[in-house]
Structure formats: structure tokens, C-alpha cells
N, C-alpha and C. Protein backbone atom coordinates (compact mmCIF):
# COMPACT_ATOMS: atom_id res chain seq x y z
N UNK A 1 -4.71 -62.96 88.47
CA UNK A 1 -3.81 -63.38 86.97
C UNK A 1 -3.58 -62.77 86.25
N UNK A 2 -2.01 -61.87 86.99
CA UNK A 2 -1.80 -60.56 86.56
C UNK A 2 -1.44 -60.62 84.76
N UNK A 3 -0.86 -61.63 84.06
CA UNK A 3 -0.69 -61.85 82.63
C UNK A 3 -1.31 -63.34 82.55
N UNK A 4 -1.21 -63.30 80.88
CA UNK A 4 -1.03 -64.55 80.29
C UNK A 4 -0.57 -64.76 79.21
N UNK A 5 0.30 -65.21 78.64
CA UNK A 5 1.05 -65.84 77.60
C UNK A 5 0.17 -66.72 76.62
N UNK A 6 -0.12 -66.80 75.32
CA UNK A 6 -0.75 -66.82 74.56
C UNK A 6 0.72 -68.19 73.99
N UNK A 7 -0.41 -69.22 73.51
CA UNK A 7 0.51 -70.45 72.76
C UNK A 7 1.61 -70.18 71.75
N UNK A 8 1.41 -69.17 71.58
CA UNK A 8 2.11 -68.51 70.45
C UNK A 8 3.52 -67.89 70.96
N UNK A 9 3.23 -67.17 71.75
CA UNK A 9 3.85 -66.31 72.53
C UNK A 9 5.06 -67.37 73.09
N UNK A 10 4.70 -68.25 74.24
CA UNK A 10 5.36 -68.99 74.35
C UNK A 10 6.15 -70.23 73.92
N UNK A 11 5.86 -70.53 72.55
CA UNK A 11 6.20 -71.09 71.73
C UNK A 11 7.54 -70.42 70.80
N UNK A 12 7.36 -69.44 71.06
CA UNK A 12 8.16 -67.79 71.01
C UNK A 12 9.67 -67.85 71.83
N UNK A 13 9.02 -67.86 72.78
CA UNK A 13 9.69 -67.63 74.05
C UNK A 13 10.73 -68.83 74.31
N UNK A 14 9.73 -70.25 73.95
CA UNK A 14 10.73 -71.49 73.88
C UNK A 14 11.82 -71.30 72.87
N UNK A 15 11.81 -70.90 71.61
CA UNK A 15 12.57 -71.19 70.72
C UNK A 15 13.82 -70.12 70.92
N UNK A 16 13.42 -68.90 71.49
CA UNK A 16 14.78 -68.25 71.84
C UNK A 16 15.45 -68.76 73.10
N UNK A 17 15.01 -69.69 73.87
CA UNK A 17 15.42 -70.27 75.18
C UNK A 17 16.26 -71.16 74.74
N UNK A 18 16.07 -72.02 73.73
CA UNK A 18 16.59 -73.24 72.92
C UNK A 18 17.40 -72.85 72.13
N UNK A 19 17.52 -71.75 71.54
CA UNK A 19 18.24 -70.74 70.47
C UNK A 19 19.64 -70.53 71.83
N UNK A 20 19.31 -69.75 72.97
CA UNK A 20 20.83 -69.46 73.35
C UNK A 20 20.99 -69.96 74.37
N UNK A 21 20.19 -71.68 74.53
CA UNK A 21 20.89 -72.46 75.46
C UNK A 21 21.01 -72.08 76.93
N UNK A 22 19.72 -71.34 76.95
CA UNK A 22 19.23 -70.95 78.46
C UNK A 22 19.65 -72.09 79.46
N UNK A 23 20.20 -72.21 80.68
CA UNK A 23 19.78 -73.12 81.66
C UNK A 23 18.83 -72.78 81.96
N UNK A 24 18.14 -74.03 82.57
CA UNK A 24 16.75 -74.60 83.10
C UNK A 24 16.09 -73.77 84.09
N UNK A 25 16.63 -73.05 85.19
CA UNK A 25 16.39 -71.99 85.97
C UNK A 25 15.54 -70.73 85.41
N UNK A 26 16.35 -70.46 84.00
CA UNK A 26 16.07 -68.91 83.19
C UNK A 26 14.43 -68.87 83.21
N UNK A 27 13.41 -67.78 83.98
CA UNK A 27 12.27 -67.70 83.34
C UNK A 27 12.40 -66.48 82.64
N UNK A 28 10.67 -66.52 82.08
CA UNK A 28 10.50 -64.93 81.43
C UNK A 28 9.78 -64.28 82.44
N UNK A 29 10.78 -62.72 82.35
CA UNK A 29 9.62 -61.76 83.63
C UNK A 29 9.08 -60.74 82.36
N UNK A 30 8.32 -60.11 83.23
CA UNK A 30 7.21 -59.50 82.39
C UNK A 30 6.98 -58.18 83.72
N UNK A 31 7.46 -57.16 83.32
CA UNK A 31 6.77 -56.11 83.82
C UNK A 31 6.52 -54.41 83.13
N UNK A 32 6.78 -53.69 83.87
CA UNK A 32 6.23 -52.40 83.35
C UNK A 32 7.00 -51.10 84.65
N UNK A 33 8.18 -50.30 83.64
CA UNK A 33 8.23 -49.41 84.35
C UNK A 33 7.97 -47.93 83.79
N UNK A 34 8.73 -47.40 85.21
CA UNK A 34 8.42 -45.58 84.29
C UNK A 34 9.02 -45.66 83.22
N UNK A 35 8.76 -44.30 82.30
CA UNK A 35 9.42 -44.44 81.19
C UNK A 35 8.78 -44.58 79.82
N UNK A 36 9.49 -43.92 78.88
CA UNK A 36 8.39 -44.31 77.54
C UNK A 36 7.76 -43.03 77.09
N UNK A 37 7.27 -42.94 76.19
CA UNK A 37 6.68 -41.47 75.90
C UNK A 37 5.19 -41.75 76.63
N UNK A 38 4.80 -42.33 77.04
CA UNK A 38 3.14 -42.49 77.30
C UNK A 38 3.12 -42.89 79.07
N UNK A 39 4.61 -42.79 79.88
CA UNK A 39 4.47 -43.07 81.36
C UNK A 39 5.32 -43.65 81.73
N UNK A 40 4.18 -45.38 81.40
CA UNK A 40 5.11 -46.78 81.57
C UNK A 40 5.20 -47.52 80.30
N UNK A 41 6.55 -48.26 80.50
CA UNK A 41 6.70 -49.09 79.40
C UNK A 41 6.86 -50.74 79.58
N UNK A 42 6.71 -51.47 78.80
CA UNK A 42 6.66 -52.66 79.08
C UNK A 42 7.92 -53.30 79.18
N UNK A 43 8.33 -54.73 79.58
CA UNK A 43 9.28 -55.15 79.87
C UNK A 43 9.18 -56.46 79.98
N UNK A 44 10.03 -56.83 78.54
CA UNK A 44 10.46 -58.72 78.77
C UNK A 44 11.88 -58.79 79.13
N UNK A 45 12.15 -59.86 79.81
CA UNK A 45 13.80 -60.29 79.95
C UNK A 45 13.39 -61.75 80.18
N UNK A 46 14.65 -61.98 80.47
CA UNK A 46 14.93 -63.49 80.96
C UNK A 46 15.69 -63.23 82.30
N UNK A 47 15.44 -63.79 83.02
CA UNK A 47 15.87 -63.19 84.18
C UNK A 47 16.14 -65.19 85.14
N UNK A 48 16.68 -64.99 86.51
CA UNK A 48 16.50 -66.17 87.27
C UNK A 48 16.25 -65.71 88.81
N UNK A 49 16.50 -64.59 89.04
CA UNK A 49 16.63 -63.79 90.23
C UNK A 49 15.43 -63.73 90.65
N UNK A 50 14.68 -64.89 91.66
CA UNK A 50 13.10 -64.95 92.21
C UNK A 50 13.38 -64.68 93.66
N UNK A 51 12.25 -63.63 93.94
CA UNK A 51 11.86 -63.07 95.24
C UNK A 51 10.91 -63.52 95.68
N UNK A 52 9.97 -64.59 96.41
CA UNK A 52 8.79 -64.77 96.83
C UNK A 52 7.85 -63.61 97.43
N UNK A 53 8.84 -63.02 98.61
CA UNK A 53 7.88 -61.64 98.62
C UNK A 53 7.71 -60.76 97.70
N UNK A 54 8.33 -60.99 96.41
CA UNK A 54 7.99 -59.45 95.28
C UNK A 54 7.83 -59.93 94.55
N UNK A 55 7.78 -61.00 94.03
CA UNK A 55 7.28 -61.92 92.61
C UNK A 55 6.01 -62.61 93.01
N UNK A 56 5.14 -62.48 91.99
CA UNK A 56 4.50 -63.71 91.24
C UNK A 56 4.65 -64.34 90.10
N UNK A 57 4.73 -66.11 90.38
CA UNK A 57 4.77 -67.06 89.26
C UNK A 57 3.87 -67.21 88.81
N UNK A 58 4.01 -67.45 87.30
CA UNK A 58 3.13 -68.29 86.85
C UNK A 58 3.28 -68.96 85.87
N UNK A 59 2.58 -70.07 85.04
CA UNK A 59 3.65 -71.25 84.30
C UNK A 59 2.01 -71.39 82.90
N UNK A 60 2.54 -71.07 81.50
CA UNK A 60 1.66 -70.97 80.81
C UNK A 60 2.06 -71.86 79.49
N UNK A 61 1.77 -73.06 79.00
CA UNK A 61 2.65 -73.87 77.65
C UNK A 61 3.77 -74.27 78.20
N UNK A 62 4.10 -74.34 79.30
CA UNK A 62 5.76 -74.49 79.32
C UNK A 62 6.28 -73.84 79.90
N UNK A 63 6.16 -72.51 79.81
CA UNK A 63 7.18 -71.03 80.22
C UNK A 63 6.60 -70.87 81.39
N UNK A 64 7.48 -70.60 82.62
CA UNK A 64 7.51 -69.85 83.69
C UNK A 64 7.63 -68.24 82.88
N UNK A 65 6.52 -67.71 84.40
CA UNK A 65 6.89 -66.44 83.97
C UNK A 65 6.46 -65.75 84.99
N UNK A 66 7.27 -64.91 85.47
CA UNK A 66 7.46 -64.18 87.25
C UNK A 66 6.75 -62.67 86.76
N UNK A 67 6.14 -61.94 87.48
CA UNK A 67 5.89 -60.52 87.52
C UNK A 67 6.35 -60.20 88.70
N UNK A 68 6.75 -58.95 88.89
CA UNK A 68 6.85 -58.37 90.38
C UNK A 68 5.64 -57.50 90.41
N UNK A 69 5.35 -57.75 91.62
CA UNK A 69 4.20 -57.29 92.30
C UNK A 69 3.97 -55.64 92.52
N UNK A 70 4.23 -55.14 92.40
CA UNK A 70 4.44 -53.39 91.25
C UNK A 70 3.97 -53.81 90.11
N UNK A 71 4.65 -54.57 89.27
CA UNK A 71 4.12 -54.39 87.84
C UNK A 71 2.65 -55.18 87.97
N UNK A 72 2.07 -55.90 88.95
CA UNK A 72 1.05 -56.86 88.58
C UNK A 72 0.32 -56.00 88.33
N UNK A 73 0.15 -54.80 89.65
CA UNK A 73 -0.90 -53.98 89.37
C UNK A 73 -1.09 -52.93 88.25
N UNK A 74 -0.06 -53.00 87.27
CA UNK A 74 -0.34 -52.17 85.81
C UNK A 74 -0.69 -53.14 84.68
N UNK A 75 -0.66 -54.30 85.22
CA UNK A 75 -0.50 -55.38 84.23
C UNK A 75 -1.42 -55.90 84.18
N UNK A 76 -2.76 -56.30 85.05
CA UNK A 76 -3.43 -57.24 85.68
C UNK A 76 -4.60 -57.54 84.45
N UNK A 77 -4.87 -58.33 84.03
CA UNK A 77 -5.67 -58.75 82.92
C UNK A 77 -5.28 -58.65 81.65
N UNK A 78 -3.23 -58.61 80.98
CA UNK A 78 -2.90 -57.96 80.02
C UNK A 78 -2.36 -59.84 79.64
N UNK A 79 -2.82 -59.71 78.21
CA UNK A 79 -2.54 -60.88 77.46
C UNK A 79 -1.01 -60.80 76.28
N UNK A 80 0.00 -61.60 76.64
CA UNK A 80 0.93 -61.16 75.62
C UNK A 80 0.92 -62.19 74.29
N UNK A 81 0.59 -61.64 73.05
CA UNK A 81 0.98 -62.79 72.44
C UNK A 81 1.98 -62.45 71.43
N UNK A 82 2.55 -63.19 70.65
CA UNK A 82 3.41 -63.33 69.69
C UNK A 82 2.21 -63.19 67.80
N UNK A 83 3.36 -61.55 67.91
CA UNK A 83 2.07 -61.55 66.03
C UNK A 83 3.65 -61.31 65.36
N UNK A 84 3.15 -61.76 64.17
CA UNK A 84 4.20 -62.24 62.90
C UNK A 84 3.73 -61.81 61.91
N UNK A 85 3.92 -60.27 61.08
CA UNK A 85 3.27 -60.08 60.15
C UNK A 85 4.11 -59.44 58.49
N UNK A 86 3.39 -59.00 57.67
CA UNK A 86 4.56 -57.91 56.31
C UNK A 86 4.85 -57.07 57.22
N UNK A 87 3.79 -56.29 58.03
CA UNK A 87 4.20 -55.08 58.47
C UNK A 87 4.98 -55.10 59.81
N UNK A 88 4.92 -56.27 60.87
CA UNK A 88 5.99 -56.02 61.83
C UNK A 88 6.10 -57.41 62.96
N UNK A 89 6.58 -57.53 63.75
CA UNK A 89 7.06 -58.83 64.04
C UNK A 89 7.42 -58.85 65.89
N UNK A 90 6.17 -59.36 66.57
CA UNK A 90 6.97 -59.20 67.86
C UNK A 90 5.97 -59.46 68.79
N UNK A 91 6.46 -59.41 70.03
CA UNK A 91 5.12 -59.64 71.34
C UNK A 91 4.32 -58.42 71.66
N UNK A 92 2.96 -58.61 71.71
CA UNK A 92 2.27 -57.55 71.55
C UNK A 92 1.25 -57.83 72.89
N UNK A 93 1.32 -56.65 73.73
CA UNK A 93 0.32 -56.47 74.98
C UNK A 93 -1.05 -55.89 74.73
N UNK A 94 -1.72 -57.22 75.16
CA UNK A 94 -3.08 -56.40 75.34
C UNK A 94 -3.93 -56.28 76.66
N UNK A 95 -3.50 -54.97 77.00
CA UNK A 95 -3.50 -54.77 78.45
C UNK A 95 -4.80 -53.88 78.69
N UNK A 96 -6.20 -54.26 79.64
CA UNK A 96 -7.54 -53.56 79.30
C UNK A 96 -7.29 -52.65 80.22
N UNK A 97 -6.37 -52.10 81.63
CA UNK A 97 -5.57 -51.25 81.84
C UNK A 97 -5.50 -49.82 81.47
N UNK A 98 -5.00 -49.76 80.09
CA UNK A 98 -4.78 -48.54 79.50
C UNK A 98 -5.36 -47.98 79.34
N UNK A 99 -5.25 -46.64 78.98
CA UNK A 99 -6.27 -45.33 78.81
C UNK A 99 -5.55 -44.44 77.70
N UNK A 100 -4.50 -44.87 77.61
CA UNK A 100 -3.70 -43.85 76.45
C UNK A 100 -2.23 -44.70 75.96
N UNK A 101 -1.92 -44.79 74.87
CA UNK A 101 -0.60 -45.53 74.44
C UNK A 101 -0.39 -44.60 72.97
N UNK A 102 1.44 -44.65 73.24
CA UNK A 102 1.94 -44.22 71.91
C UNK A 102 1.68 -44.98 70.84
N UNK A 103 2.11 -44.24 69.71
CA UNK A 103 1.84 -44.45 68.43
C UNK A 103 2.53 -46.46 67.93
N UNK A 104 3.94 -46.06 68.79
CA UNK A 104 4.23 -47.80 68.87
C UNK A 104 3.62 -48.68 69.84
N UNK A 105 2.87 -48.41 70.37
CA UNK A 105 2.33 -49.52 71.57
C UNK A 105 3.68 -49.72 72.40
N UNK A 106 4.80 -49.69 72.72
CA UNK A 106 5.84 -49.95 73.59
C UNK A 106 5.65 -49.43 74.77
N UNK A 107 5.01 -48.06 75.16
CA UNK A 107 4.32 -47.17 76.53
C UNK A 107 2.97 -46.87 76.61
N UNK A 108 2.49 -46.64 77.63
CA UNK A 108 1.17 -46.74 78.07
C UNK A 108 1.11 -46.10 79.09
N UNK A 109 -0.52 -45.56 79.15
CA UNK A 109 -0.88 -44.65 80.63
C UNK A 109 -1.59 -45.44 81.44
N UNK A 110 -2.20 -45.67 82.63
CA UNK A 110 -2.70 -46.36 82.88
C UNK A 110 -4.10 -45.48 84.17
């Protein structure tokens, strides 16, 4: 299982889906792309194009999550949570494969 979406993160995804009035077939795509100050950066986006040969599909707390197979190798075991505090607000990635990350936490090396 490449990624896990916590209940708090799933609630936030559902809130955005409802606010944006997305169609039912829209899902959350999670990925990792070359770039950022540490080598790779996390990607979260809403999408509806699914390729069974290239993508893996999961469901957490009613949210369909799709990860492309290349990103799945970099994200194996990652938990995505939602954090909301005085200092910051947003999705947090807990990736056990990271050996180095940047100060802002949005890019990483494996």
C-alpha cells in the first residue's frame, strides 16, 4: 500500500470536493515528481483520468486515492494527514523513505 489517508485528511478532501462541486468520478491523485530543493516534491491534485496499467487505486474514509506506479515506489508507507494550527495549515506527508528533506517539508530525497 503506497499511501494512507488519515480520517482528518479525508474529511478535508471531502470538504474541498463539496465546495468545488466536483463530479462523482473525480478522485485525489497523489504523486511525487522530480523537482524542489531536495530532489522530489509531493503532488496532490484532483483528477479523473485513470490508467489501470499505470495507476494503483485505494479508498480511505470514502475518498478514492490514486497513485501512479512510479510515485508509489517513492511513497511506499507514506501517511497523509491534515494539520491545522496557529503556525500552519495543510496536508502533512509522513514518508518513511525520506533520508533528507527541505526546511518547508514540501520536497525530499529517498
